[in-house]
Amino acid sequence: MDEYITANHDVGKAISLIDEIMKKSNRPILVTLDGRSGTGKSTIAKHIAERLGGVEITADDFWVGGSNEEWDTKSPKEKAEMAIDWKRLRNEVLEPLLAGKPATWYPFDWRVPT
């Protein structure tokens, strides 16, 4: 079942809709948030996970990175495809969790080496 909640919904309503879906399902569900950087996706995801007993997964944990010279030559689509290790995210996190199993992953270390 695919349900879509638009930006016009508030977080409380989103949580209520997700809760309704969870009550109808006997399997784990996946909720995704999409939007530009800095729009509050992580904050909303944290609230949803806390309220409903879920796991917050941020794509930033799977950042691949790259040199600025290479990055600047890429189209927005290419940047989206190369910025995140989508295969690792799927294999290490999404597939185990959706199968009802534990998942373990090591997030990208954003600290700048000194």
C-alpha atoms as a PDB file:
ATOM      1  CA  MET A   1       0.000   0.000   0.000  1.00  0.00           C
ATOM      2  CA  ASP A   2       1.463   3.359  -0.991  1.00  0.00           C
ATOM      3  CA  GLU A   3       0.412   6.404   0.996  1.00  0.00           C
ATOM      4  CA  TYR A   4       1.716   9.876   0.309  1.00  0.00           C
ATOM      5  CA  ILE A   5       1.757  12.735   2.768  1.00  0.00           C
ATOM      6  CA  THR A   6       2.473  16.113   1.247  1.00  0.00           C
ATOM      7  CA  ALA A   7       4.157  19.149   2.754  1.00  0.00           C
ATOM      8  CA  ASN A   8       0.685  20.496   3.502  1.00  0.00           C
ATOM      9  CA  HIS A   9       0.263  17.933   6.275  1.00  0.00           C
ATOM     10  CA  ASP A  10       1.636  18.589   9.732  1.00  0.00           C
ATOM     11  CA  VAL A  11       3.833  16.125  11.613  1.00  0.00           C
ATOM     12  CA  GLY A  12       1.016  15.092  13.945  1.00  0.00           C
ATOM     13  CA  LYS A  13      -1.214  14.179  11.027  1.00  0.00           C
ATOM     14  CA  ALA A  14       1.652  12.307   9.366  1.00  0.00           C
ATOM     15  CA  ILE A  15       2.213  10.302  12.544  1.00  0.00           C
ATOM     16  CA  SER A  16      -1.518   9.501  12.754  1.00  0.00           C
ATOM     17  CA  LEU A  17      -1.597   8.316   9.134  1.00  0.00           C
ATOM     18  CA  ILE A  18       1.521   6.187   9.597  1.00  0.00           C
ATOM     19  CA  ASP A  19       0.048   4.724  12.788  1.00  0.00           C
ATOM     20  CA  GLU A  20      -3.127   3.768  10.883  1.00  0.00           C
ATOM     21  CA  ILE A  21      -1.058   2.019   8.216  1.00  0.00           C
ATOM     22  CA  MET A  22       0.960   0.190  10.884  1.00  0.00           C
ATOM     23  CA  LYS A  23      -2.228  -1.106  12.528  1.00  0.00           C
ATOM     24  CA  LYS A  24      -3.339  -2.625   9.202  1.00  0.00           C
ATOM     25  CA  SER A  25      -0.009  -4.310   8.499  1.00  0.00           C
ATOM     26  CA  ASN A  26       1.682  -7.255  10.130  1.00  0.00           C
ATOM     27  CA  ARG A  27       4.997  -6.377   8.472  1.00  0.00           C
ATOM     28  CA  PRO A  28       7.488  -3.591   9.044  1.00  0.00           C
ATOM     29  CA  ILE A  29       6.764  -0.521   6.948  1.00  0.00           C
ATOM     30  CA  LEU A  30       9.120   1.953   5.324  1.00  0.00           C
ATOM     31  CA  VAL A  31       8.437   5.672   5.548  1.00  0.00           C
ATOM     32  CA  THR A  32      10.577   7.956   3.399  1.00  0.00           C
ATOM     33  CA  LEU A  33      10.961  11.707   3.525  1.00  0.00           C
ATOM     34  CA  ASP A  34      12.209  13.688   0.568  1.00  0.00           C
ATOM     35  CA  GLY A  35      13.111  17.322   0.232  1.00  0.00           C
ATOM     36  CA  ARG A  36      15.857  19.861  -0.127  1.00  0.00           C
ATOM     37  CA  SER A  37      18.719  20.167   2.336  1.00  0.00           C
ATOM     38  CA  GLY A  38      17.843  21.975   5.538  1.00  0.00           C
ATOM     39  CA  THR A  39      14.066  21.558   5.259  1.00  0.00           C
ATOM     40  CA  GLY A  40      13.692  19.535   8.462  1.00  0.00           C
ATOM     41  CA  LYS A  41      13.525  15.972   7.153  1.00  0.00           C
ATOM     42  CA  SER A  42      15.792  14.612   9.886  1.00  0.00           C
ATOM     43  CA  THR A  43      13.860  16.431  12.614  1.00  0.00           C
ATOM     44  CA  ILE A  44      10.550  15.085  11.327  1.00  0.00           C
ATOM     45  CA  ALA A  45      12.001  11.574  10.957  1.00  0.00           C
ATOM     46  CA  LYS A  46      13.243  11.699  14.548  1.00  0.00           C
ATOM     47  CA  HIS A  47       9.772  12.685  15.826  1.00  0.00           C
ATOM     48  CA  ILE A  48       8.094   9.940  13.803  1.00  0.00           C
ATOM     49  CA  ALA A  49      10.571   7.279  14.955  1.00  0.00           C
ATOM     50  CA  GLU A  50      10.280   8.323  18.613  1.00  0.00           C
ATOM     51  CA  ARG A  51       6.483   8.401  18.601  1.00  0.00           C
ATOM     52  CA  LEU A  52       5.972   5.143  16.721  1.00  0.00           C
ATOM     53  CA  GLY A  53       8.936   3.071  17.896  1.00  0.00           C
ATOM     54  CA  GLY A  54      10.715   3.162  14.579  1.00  0.00           C
ATOM     55  CA  VAL A  55      14.280   3.546  13.420  1.00  0.00           C
ATOM     56  CA  GLU A  56      15.517   6.816  11.954  1.00  0.00           C
ATOM     57  CA  ILE A  57      17.901   6.283   9.080  1.00  0.00           C
ATOM     58  CA  THR A  58      19.528   9.243   7.406  1.00  0.00           C
ATOM     59  CA  ALA A  59      21.026   8.990   3.941  1.00  0.00           C
ATOM     60  CA  ASP A  60      23.867  11.209   5.208  1.00  0.00           C
ATOM     61  CA  ASP A  61      25.189   8.109   6.979  1.00  0.00           C
ATOM     62  CA  PHE A  62      25.831   6.610   3.540  1.00  0.00           C
ATOM     63  CA  TRP A  63      27.566   9.610   1.964  1.00  0.00           C
ATOM     64  CA  VAL A  64      30.230   8.608  -0.526  1.00  0.00           C
ATOM     65  CA  GLY A  65      31.748  11.997  -1.159  1.00  0.00           C
ATOM     66  CA  GLY A  66      34.031  13.000  -3.962  1.00  0.00           C
ATOM     67  CA  SER A  67      36.359  15.742  -5.041  1.00  0.00           C
ATOM     68  CA  ASN A  68      34.986  19.229  -5.636  1.00  0.00           C
ATOM     69  CA  GLU A  69      36.358  19.261  -9.185  1.00  0.00           C
ATOM     70  CA  GLU A  70      34.529  16.062 -10.051  1.00  0.00           C
ATOM     71  CA  TRP A  71      31.360  17.125  -8.227  1.00  0.00           C
ATOM     72  CA  ASP A  72      31.101  20.431 -10.083  1.00  0.00           C
ATOM     73  CA  THR A  73      31.010  18.678 -13.465  1.00  0.00           C
ATOM     74  CA  LYS A  74      28.005  16.485 -12.610  1.00  0.00           C
ATOM     75  CA  SER A  75      24.326  17.037 -13.326  1.00  0.00           C
ATOM     76  CA  PRO A  76      21.856  17.097 -10.404  1.00  0.00           C
ATOM     77  CA  LYS A  77      20.755  13.541 -11.296  1.00  0.00           C
ATOM     78  CA  GLU A  78      24.349  12.307 -11.382  1.00  0.00           C
ATOM     79  CA  LYS A  79      25.059  14.002  -8.050  1.00  0.00           C
ATOM     80  CA  ALA A  80      22.050  12.266  -6.463  1.00  0.00           C
ATOM     81  CA  GLU A  81      23.177   8.908  -7.793  1.00  0.00           C
ATOM     82  CA  MET A  82      26.801   9.264  -6.720  1.00  0.00           C
ATOM     83  CA  ALA A  83      26.459  11.086  -3.386  1.00  0.00           C
ATOM     84  CA  ILE A  84      24.899   8.215  -1.458  1.00  0.00           C
ATOM     85  CA  ASP A  85      25.896   4.550  -1.434  1.00  0.00           C
ATOM     86  CA  TRP A  86      22.348   3.380  -2.154  1.00  0.00           C
ATOM     87  CA  LYS A  87      23.408  -0.267  -2.489  1.00  0.00           C
ATOM     88  CA  ARG A  88      24.990  -0.301   0.986  1.00  0.00           C
ATOM     89  CA  LEU A  89      21.941   1.449   2.446  1.00  0.00           C
ATOM     90  CA  ARG A  90      19.668  -1.176   0.916  1.00  0.00           C
ATOM     91  CA  ASN A  91      21.842  -4.182   1.846  1.00  0.00           C
ATOM     92  CA  GLU A  92      22.912  -3.179   5.360  1.00  0.00           C
ATOM     93  CA  VAL A  93      19.762  -1.445   6.565  1.00  0.00           C
ATOM     94  CA  LEU A  94      16.571  -1.566   4.540  1.00  0.00           C
ATOM     95  CA  GLU A  95      16.503  -5.251   3.607  1.00  0.00           C
ATOM     96  CA  PRO A  96      17.279  -6.539   7.118  1.00  0.00           C
ATOM     97  CA  LEU A  97      14.825  -4.171   8.822  1.00  0.00           C
ATOM     98  CA  LEU A  98      12.027  -4.913   6.370  1.00  0.00           C
ATOM     99  CA  ALA A  99      12.640  -8.620   6.984  1.00  0.00           C
ATOM    100  CA  GLY A 100      12.195  -8.017  10.728  1.00  0.00           C
ATOM    101  CA  LYS A 101      15.902  -8.527  11.443  1.00  0.00           C
ATOM    102  CA  PRO A 102      18.384  -6.220  13.185  1.00  0.00           C
ATOM    103  CA  ALA A 103      20.522  -3.918  11.078  1.00  0.00           C
ATOM    104  CA  THR A 104      23.933  -2.490  11.799  1.00  0.00           C
ATOM    105  CA  TRP A 105      25.728   0.187   9.820  1.00  0.00           C
ATOM    106  CA  TYR A 106      28.601   2.561  10.267  1.00  0.00           C
ATOM    107  CA  PRO A 107      27.762   6.167   9.417  1.00  0.00           C
ATOM    108  CA  PHE A 108      30.007   8.394   7.369  1.00  0.00           C
ATOM    109  CA  ASP A 109      32.411  10.305   9.615  1.00  0.00           C
ATOM    110  CA  TRP A 110      31.820  13.992   8.873  1.00  0.00           C
ATOM    111  CA  ARG A 111      34.649  15.219  11.085  1.00  0.00           C
ATOM    112  CA  VAL A 112      37.368  17.032   9.225  1.00  0.00           C
ATOM    113  CA  PRO A 113      40.760  15.413   9.856  1.00  0.00           C
ATOM    114  CA  THR A 114      43.120  17.646  11.823  1.00  0.00           C
END
